[in-house]
Amino acid sequence: MHIREVHLQATVANHREGPKAPWPQIAFAGRSNVGKSTLLNALFGRPLAATSKHPGKTRTINYYLVNGSVFFVDLPGYGYARVAKSERSSWGKRITDYVMGEDRLKLVVSLVDPRIPTSPLDEDLLALLRQCGRDFLVVMTKSDCLGRGALAAAAQRLRRDLALPEAPLAVSARTGVGTRELLTQLAAASAAPGARREGAG
């Protein structure tokens, strides 16, 4: 996939208020401070997704129309402790409702930070995706922050902890490593028929 144009189409609190266009949707999910917005900007080739030094910046569901034919959906970051517990619960409900109720959803990109221990929140997300029969792709962000050996060890740990059929894809928004491979997989997912199949892992 070569991204020629991208526009922020909608910012909503509930996915039912999102765009009604029939285009396929690819969602990006992950813990707060995992680098989700930074990675999206790297894929877009321009700074559209809001980034911050403080976790929890994304508190809404943001729809980016890519090449006029597919939505990249930026889901709220989860797990940031310095916000009200009720708000954290609300974000979790938004993600669950979206995953369970959006028929145009083709793939969920689950972003994980390989530098920290596997999070129960990431395990919970994958359990939800498997329960709903959603295709998903686990991607390690910030891969440039680890040496080759440490990154390989983290990949095997995540593969084991998250019960993946293969090691997750390593990407770096800073260096661009892995972004071409990621875009290739996103293109294949957006072109695939149907929206509900078994999780690809």
C-alpha atoms as a PDB file:
ATOM      1  CA  MET A   1       0.000   0.000   0.000  1.00  0.00           C
ATOM      2  CA  HIS A   2       1.253   3.436  -0.958  1.00  0.00           C
ATOM      3  CA  ILE A   3      -0.545   6.170   0.959  1.00  0.00           C
ATOM      4  CA  ARG A   4      -1.176   9.012  -1.479  1.00  0.00           C
ATOM      5  CA  GLU A   5      -3.735  10.981   0.524  1.00  0.00           C
ATOM      6  CA  VAL A   6      -5.198  10.855   4.002  1.00  0.00           C
ATOM      7  CA  HIS A   7      -7.780  12.984   5.779  1.00  0.00           C
ATOM      8  CA  LEU A   8      -9.122  13.007   9.318  1.00  0.00           C
ATOM      9  CA  GLN A   9     -12.754  12.202   8.536  1.00  0.00           C
ATOM     10  CA  ALA A  10     -14.333  12.028  11.990  1.00  0.00           C
ATOM     11  CA  THR A  11     -13.596  12.183  15.714  1.00  0.00           C
ATOM     12  CA  VAL A  12     -16.305  10.563  17.835  1.00  0.00           C
ATOM     13  CA  ALA A  13     -16.877   9.182  21.313  1.00  0.00           C
ATOM     14  CA  ASN A  14     -18.921   6.207  20.063  1.00  0.00           C
ATOM     15  CA  HIS A  15     -18.290   4.241  16.878  1.00  0.00           C
ATOM     16  CA  ARG A  16     -22.000   4.394  16.026  1.00  0.00           C
ATOM     17  CA  GLU A  17     -21.468   8.108  15.419  1.00  0.00           C
ATOM     18  CA  GLY A  18     -18.627   7.413  12.985  1.00  0.00           C
ATOM     19  CA  PRO A  19     -18.628   7.598   9.173  1.00  0.00           C
ATOM     20  CA  LYS A  20     -21.361   5.662   7.363  1.00  0.00           C
ATOM     21  CA  ALA A  21     -19.308   5.074   4.212  1.00  0.00           C
ATOM     22  CA  PRO A  22     -18.934   1.385   3.299  1.00  0.00           C
ATOM     23  CA  TRP A  23     -15.135   1.433   3.162  1.00  0.00           C
ATOM     24  CA  PRO A  24     -13.262  -1.281   5.082  1.00  0.00           C
ATOM     25  CA  GLN A  25     -11.779  -0.321   8.433  1.00  0.00           C
ATOM     26  CA  ILE A  26      -8.412  -1.185   9.986  1.00  0.00           C
ATOM     27  CA  ALA A  27      -8.179  -0.332  13.677  1.00  0.00           C
ATOM     28  CA  PHE A  28      -5.082   0.446  15.729  1.00  0.00           C
ATOM     29  CA  ALA A  29      -5.176  -0.364  19.444  1.00  0.00           C
ATOM     30  CA  GLY A  30      -2.663  -0.393  22.270  1.00  0.00           C
ATOM     31  CA  ARG A  31      -1.707   0.800  25.705  1.00  0.00           C
ATOM     32  CA  SER A  32      -1.265   4.500  26.284  1.00  0.00           C
ATOM     33  CA  ASN A  33       2.297   5.580  25.433  1.00  0.00           C
ATOM     34  CA  VAL A  34       2.842   2.616  23.077  1.00  0.00           C
ATOM     35  CA  GLY A  35       3.513   5.044  20.222  1.00  0.00           C
ATOM     36  CA  LYS A  36       0.274   4.539  18.321  1.00  0.00           C
ATOM     37  CA  SER A  37      -0.147   8.099  17.056  1.00  0.00           C
ATOM     38  CA  THR A  38       3.549   8.352  16.208  1.00  0.00           C
ATOM     39  CA  LEU A  39       3.346   5.167  14.134  1.00  0.00           C
ATOM     40  CA  LEU A  40       0.223   6.371  12.332  1.00  0.00           C
ATOM     41  CA  ASN A  41       1.992   9.601  11.408  1.00  0.00           C
ATOM     42  CA  ALA A  42       4.936   7.591  10.082  1.00  0.00           C
ATOM     43  CA  LEU A  43       2.590   5.518   7.917  1.00  0.00           C
ATOM     44  CA  PHE A  44       0.769   8.632   6.724  1.00  0.00           C
ATOM     45  CA  GLY A  45       4.007  10.437   5.975  1.00  0.00           C
ATOM     46  CA  ARG A  46       2.654  13.555   7.689  1.00  0.00           C
ATOM     47  CA  PRO A  47       1.729  14.632  11.248  1.00  0.00           C
ATOM     48  CA  LEU A  48      -2.043  14.133  11.372  1.00  0.00           C
ATOM     49  CA  ALA A  49      -2.483  12.041  14.526  1.00  0.00           C
ATOM     50  CA  ALA A  50      -1.978  14.086  17.700  1.00  0.00           C
ATOM     51  CA  THR A  51       1.043  13.011  19.741  1.00  0.00           C
ATOM     52  CA  SER A  52       2.059  13.991  23.249  1.00  0.00           C
ATOM     53  CA  LYS A  53       4.772  13.339  25.804  1.00  0.00           C
ATOM     54  CA  HIS A  54       1.954  12.522  28.203  1.00  0.00           C
ATOM     55  CA  PRO A  55       0.180   9.156  27.768  1.00  0.00           C
ATOM     56  CA  GLY A  56      -3.545   9.004  27.127  1.00  0.00           C
ATOM     57  CA  LYS A  57      -3.704  11.678  24.424  1.00  0.00           C
ATOM     58  CA  THR A  58      -6.145   9.706  22.258  1.00  0.00           C
ATOM     59  CA  ARG A  59      -9.454   9.638  24.137  1.00  0.00           C
ATOM     60  CA  THR A  60     -11.775   9.430  21.156  1.00  0.00           C
ATOM     61  CA  ILE A  61     -12.190   7.181  18.120  1.00  0.00           C
ATOM     62  CA  ASN A  62     -10.512   8.918  15.192  1.00  0.00           C
ATOM     63  CA  TYR A  63     -11.226   7.926  11.585  1.00  0.00           C
ATOM     64  CA  TYR A  64      -8.609   8.654   8.917  1.00  0.00           C
ATOM     65  CA  LEU A  65      -9.714   8.093   5.316  1.00  0.00           C
ATOM     66  CA  VAL A  66      -6.751   6.702   3.387  1.00  0.00           C
ATOM     67  CA  ASN A  67      -6.629   6.916  -0.418  1.00  0.00           C
ATOM     68  CA  GLY A  68     -10.392   7.454  -0.405  1.00  0.00           C
ATOM     69  CA  SER A  69     -10.990   3.744   0.067  1.00  0.00           C
ATOM     70  CA  VAL A  70     -10.103   2.523   3.585  1.00  0.00           C
ATOM     71  CA  PHE A  71     -10.390   3.921   7.093  1.00  0.00           C
ATOM     72  CA  PHE A  72      -7.524   3.702   9.564  1.00  0.00           C
ATOM     73  CA  VAL A  73      -9.253   3.888  12.939  1.00  0.00           C
ATOM     74  CA  ASP A  74      -7.253   5.198  15.899  1.00  0.00           C
ATOM     75  CA  LEU A  75      -8.822   3.701  19.037  1.00  0.00           C
ATOM     76  CA  PRO A  76      -8.425   5.210  22.530  1.00  0.00           C
ATOM     77  CA  GLY A  77      -5.254   4.212  24.347  1.00  0.00           C
ATOM     78  CA  TYR A  78      -5.882   2.021  27.370  1.00  0.00           C
ATOM     79  CA  GLY A  79      -4.258   1.447  30.734  1.00  0.00           C
ATOM     80  CA  TYR A  80      -3.065   4.931  31.688  1.00  0.00           C
ATOM     81  CA  ALA A  81      -3.355   5.204  35.471  1.00  0.00           C
ATOM     82  CA  ARG A  82      -3.416   9.003  35.846  1.00  0.00           C
ATOM     83  CA  VAL A  83      -6.993   9.445  34.649  1.00  0.00           C
ATOM     84  CA  ALA A  84     -10.221   8.713  36.462  1.00  0.00           C
ATOM     85  CA  LYS A  85     -11.050   5.037  36.801  1.00  0.00           C
ATOM     86  CA  SER A  86     -14.476   5.710  35.315  1.00  0.00           C
ATOM     87  CA  GLU A  87     -12.837   7.198  32.223  1.00  0.00           C
ATOM     88  CA  ARG A  88     -10.523   4.202  31.850  1.00  0.00           C
ATOM     89  CA  SER A  89     -13.575   1.943  32.036  1.00  0.00           C
ATOM     90  CA  SER A  90     -15.323   4.076  29.431  1.00  0.00           C
ATOM     91  CA  TRP A  91     -12.398   3.720  27.013  1.00  0.00           C
ATOM     92  CA  GLY A  92     -12.470  -0.044  27.489  1.00  0.00           C
ATOM     93  CA  LYS A  93     -16.193  -0.123  26.741  1.00  0.00           C
ATOM     94  CA  ARG A  94     -15.705   1.962  23.591  1.00  0.00           C
ATOM     95  CA  ILE A  95     -13.084  -0.447  22.272  1.00  0.00           C
ATOM     96  CA  THR A  96     -15.198  -3.502  23.137  1.00  0.00           C
ATOM     97  CA  ASP A  97     -18.320  -2.043  21.529  1.00  0.00           C
ATOM     98  CA  TYR A  98     -16.373  -1.138  18.400  1.00  0.00           C
ATOM     99  CA  VAL A  99     -14.728  -4.549  18.040  1.00  0.00           C
ATOM    100  CA  MET A 100     -17.966  -6.415  18.618  1.00  0.00           C
ATOM    101  CA  GLY A 101     -20.271  -4.163  16.624  1.00  0.00           C
ATOM    102  CA  GLU A 102     -18.401  -2.795  13.587  1.00  0.00           C
ATOM    103  CA  ASP A 103     -19.183  -4.953  10.541  1.00  0.00           C
ATOM    104  CA  ARG A 104     -16.711  -3.091   8.306  1.00  0.00           C
ATOM    105  CA  LEU A 105     -13.756  -3.939  10.554  1.00  0.00           C
ATOM    106  CA  LYS A 106     -11.227  -6.045   8.630  1.00  0.00           C
ATOM    107  CA  LEU A 107      -8.191  -6.059  10.931  1.00  0.00           C
ATOM    108  CA  VAL A 108      -7.095  -4.887  14.370  1.00  0.00           C
ATOM    109  CA  VAL A 109      -3.430  -3.922  14.689  1.00  0.00           C
ATOM    110  CA  SER A 110      -2.490  -4.584  18.314  1.00  0.00           C
ATOM    111  CA  LEU A 111       0.521  -2.469  19.228  1.00  0.00           C
ATOM    112  CA  VAL A 112       2.834  -3.605  22.026  1.00  0.00           C
ATOM    113  CA  ASP A 113       5.996  -2.150  23.551  1.00  0.00           C
ATOM    114  CA  PRO A 114       8.710  -4.857  23.495  1.00  0.00           C
ATOM    115  CA  ARG A 115      10.698  -3.080  26.220  1.00  0.00           C
ATOM    116  CA  ILE A 116       8.210  -3.833  29.005  1.00  0.00           C
ATOM    117  CA  PRO A 117       6.691  -7.080  30.367  1.00  0.00           C
ATOM    118  CA  THR A 118       3.670  -8.408  28.502  1.00  0.00           C
ATOM    119  CA  SER A 119       0.609  -6.552  29.732  1.00  0.00           C
ATOM    120  CA  PRO A 120      -2.562  -8.312  30.911  1.00  0.00           C
ATOM    121  CA  LEU A 121      -4.420  -5.555  29.049  1.00  0.00           C
ATOM    122  CA  ASP A 122      -2.853  -6.697  25.770  1.00  0.00           C
ATOM    123  CA  GLU A 123      -3.776 -10.280  26.634  1.00  0.00           C
ATOM    124  CA  ASP A 124      -7.352  -9.144  27.306  1.00  0.00           C
ATOM    125  CA  LEU A 125      -7.563  -7.371  23.947  1.00  0.00           C
ATOM    126  CA  LEU A 126      -6.409 -10.452  22.051  1.00  0.00           C
ATOM    127  CA  ALA A 127      -8.841 -12.623  24.028  1.00  0.00           C
ATOM    128  CA  LEU A 128     -11.658 -10.285  22.937  1.00  0.00           C
ATOM    129  CA  LEU A 129     -10.530 -10.378  19.308  1.00  0.00           C
ATOM    130  CA  ARG A 130     -10.368 -14.152  19.317  1.00  0.00           C
ATOM    131  CA  GLN A 131     -13.763 -14.392  20.980  1.00  0.00           C
ATOM    132  CA  CYS A 132     -15.256 -12.177  18.253  1.00  0.00           C
ATOM    133  CA  GLY A 133     -13.436 -13.983  15.436  1.00  0.00           C
ATOM    134  CA  ARG A 134     -11.564 -10.848  14.410  1.00  0.00           C
ATOM    135  CA  ASP A 135      -8.393 -10.873  12.353  1.00  0.00           C
ATOM    136  CA  PHE A 136      -5.517  -9.205  14.169  1.00  0.00           C
ATOM    137  CA  LEU A 137      -1.854  -8.415  13.751  1.00  0.00           C
ATOM    138  CA  VAL A 138       0.484  -7.884  16.706  1.00  0.00           C
ATOM    139  CA  VAL A 139       3.139  -5.238  16.064  1.00  0.00           C
ATOM    140  CA  MET A 140       6.068  -4.254  18.274  1.00  0.00           C
ATOM    141  CA  THR A 141       6.620  -0.485  18.261  1.00  0.00           C
ATOM    142  CA  LYS A 142       9.806   1.369  19.198  1.00  0.00           C
ATOM    143  CA  SER A 143      11.912  -1.552  17.974  1.00  0.00           C
ATOM    144  CA  ASP A 144      14.889   0.767  17.436  1.00  0.00           C
ATOM    145  CA  CYS A 145      15.158   1.167  21.229  1.00  0.00           C
ATOM    146  CA  LEU A 146      16.415  -2.424  21.644  1.00  0.00           C
ATOM    147  CA  GLY A 147      19.443  -4.223  20.302  1.00  0.00           C
ATOM    148  CA  ARG A 148      18.990  -7.114  17.903  1.00  0.00           C
ATOM    149  CA  GLY A 149      19.344  -9.804  20.565  1.00  0.00           C
ATOM    150  CA  ALA A 150      17.037  -8.109  23.076  1.00  0.00           C
ATOM    151  CA  LEU A 151      14.422  -7.486  20.386  1.00  0.00           C
ATOM    152  CA  ALA A 152      14.505 -11.117  19.281  1.00  0.00           C
ATOM    153  CA  ALA A 153      14.084 -12.246  22.888  1.00  0.00           C
ATOM    154  CA  ALA A 154      11.156  -9.856  23.368  1.00  0.00           C
ATOM    155  CA  ALA A 155       9.531 -11.138  20.188  1.00  0.00           C
ATOM    156  CA  GLN A 156       9.718 -14.726  21.412  1.00  0.00           C
ATOM    157  CA  ARG A 157       8.363 -13.730  24.835  1.00  0.00           C
ATOM    158  CA  LEU A 158       5.401 -11.965  23.245  1.00  0.00           C
ATOM    159  CA  ARG A 159       4.793 -14.874  20.899  1.00  0.00           C
ATOM    160  CA  ARG A 160       4.644 -17.202  23.892  1.00  0.00           C
ATOM    161  CA  ASP A 161       2.668 -14.939  26.216  1.00  0.00           C
ATOM    162  CA  LEU A 162       0.093 -13.984  23.589  1.00  0.00           C
ATOM    163  CA  ALA A 163      -0.102 -17.471  22.014  1.00  0.00           C
ATOM    164  CA  LEU A 164       0.800 -16.209  18.544  1.00  0.00           C
ATOM    165  CA  PRO A 165       1.521 -18.517  15.594  1.00  0.00           C
ATOM    166  CA  GLU A 166       4.613 -16.455  14.762  1.00  0.00           C
ATOM    167  CA  ALA A 167       6.702 -13.661  16.213  1.00  0.00           C
ATOM    168  CA  PRO A 168       5.136 -10.177  16.035  1.00  0.00           C
ATOM    169  CA  LEU A 169       6.256  -7.707  13.404  1.00  0.00           C
ATOM    170  CA  ALA A 170       8.869  -5.201  14.600  1.00  0.00           C
ATOM    171  CA  VAL A 171       8.498  -1.603  13.444  1.00  0.00           C
ATOM    172  CA  SER A 172      10.080   1.738  14.196  1.00  0.00           C
ATOM    173  CA  ALA A 173       8.375   5.028  13.451  1.00  0.00           C
ATOM    174  CA  ARG A 174      11.735   6.778  13.853  1.00  0.00           C
ATOM    175  CA  THR A 175      13.796   4.700  11.417  1.00  0.00           C
ATOM    176  CA  GLY A 176      11.004   3.348   9.220  1.00  0.00           C
ATOM    177  CA  VAL A 177      12.011  -0.274   9.819  1.00  0.00           C
ATOM    178  CA  GLY A 178       9.067  -2.598   9.266  1.00  0.00           C
ATOM    179  CA  THR A 179       6.663   0.068   8.018  1.00  0.00           C
ATOM    180  CA  ARG A 180       6.713  -1.183   4.419  1.00  0.00           C
ATOM    181  CA  GLU A 181       5.953  -4.725   5.572  1.00  0.00           C
ATOM    182  CA  LEU A 182       3.159  -3.407   7.785  1.00  0.00           C
ATOM    183  CA  LEU A 183       1.575  -1.441   4.934  1.00  0.00           C
ATOM    184  CA  THR A 184       1.709  -4.540   2.736  1.00  0.00           C
ATOM    185  CA  GLN A 185      -0.255  -6.516   5.321  1.00  0.00           C
ATOM    186  CA  LEU A 186      -2.739  -3.667   5.791  1.00  0.00           C
ATOM    187  CA  ALA A 187      -3.344  -3.543   2.040  1.00  0.00           C
ATOM    188  CA  ALA A 188      -4.013  -7.278   1.934  1.00  0.00           C
ATOM    189  CA  ALA A 189      -6.414  -7.057   4.876  1.00  0.00           C
ATOM    190  CA  SER A 190      -8.375  -4.150   3.421  1.00  0.00           C
ATOM    191  CA  ALA A 191      -8.797  -6.010   0.131  1.00  0.00           C
ATOM    192  CA  ALA A 192      -9.882  -9.293   1.718  1.00  0.00           C
ATOM    193  CA  PRO A 193     -13.571 -10.253   1.376  1.00  0.00           C
ATOM    194  CA  GLY A 194     -15.709 -10.454   4.498  1.00  0.00           C
ATOM    195  CA  ALA A 195     -15.199  -8.781   7.849  1.00  0.00           C
ATOM    196  CA  ARG A 196     -15.464 -11.559  10.418  1.00  0.00           C
ATOM    197  CA  ARG A 197     -13.004 -14.437  10.309  1.00  0.00           C
ATOM    198  CA  GLU A 198     -10.780 -16.232  12.765  1.00  0.00           C
ATOM    199  CA  GLY A 199      -7.958 -14.130  14.199  1.00  0.00           C
ATOM    200  CA  ALA A 200      -4.908 -14.362  12.012  1.00  0.00           C
ATOM    201  CA  GLY A 201      -2.553 -13.703  14.919  1.00  0.00           C
END
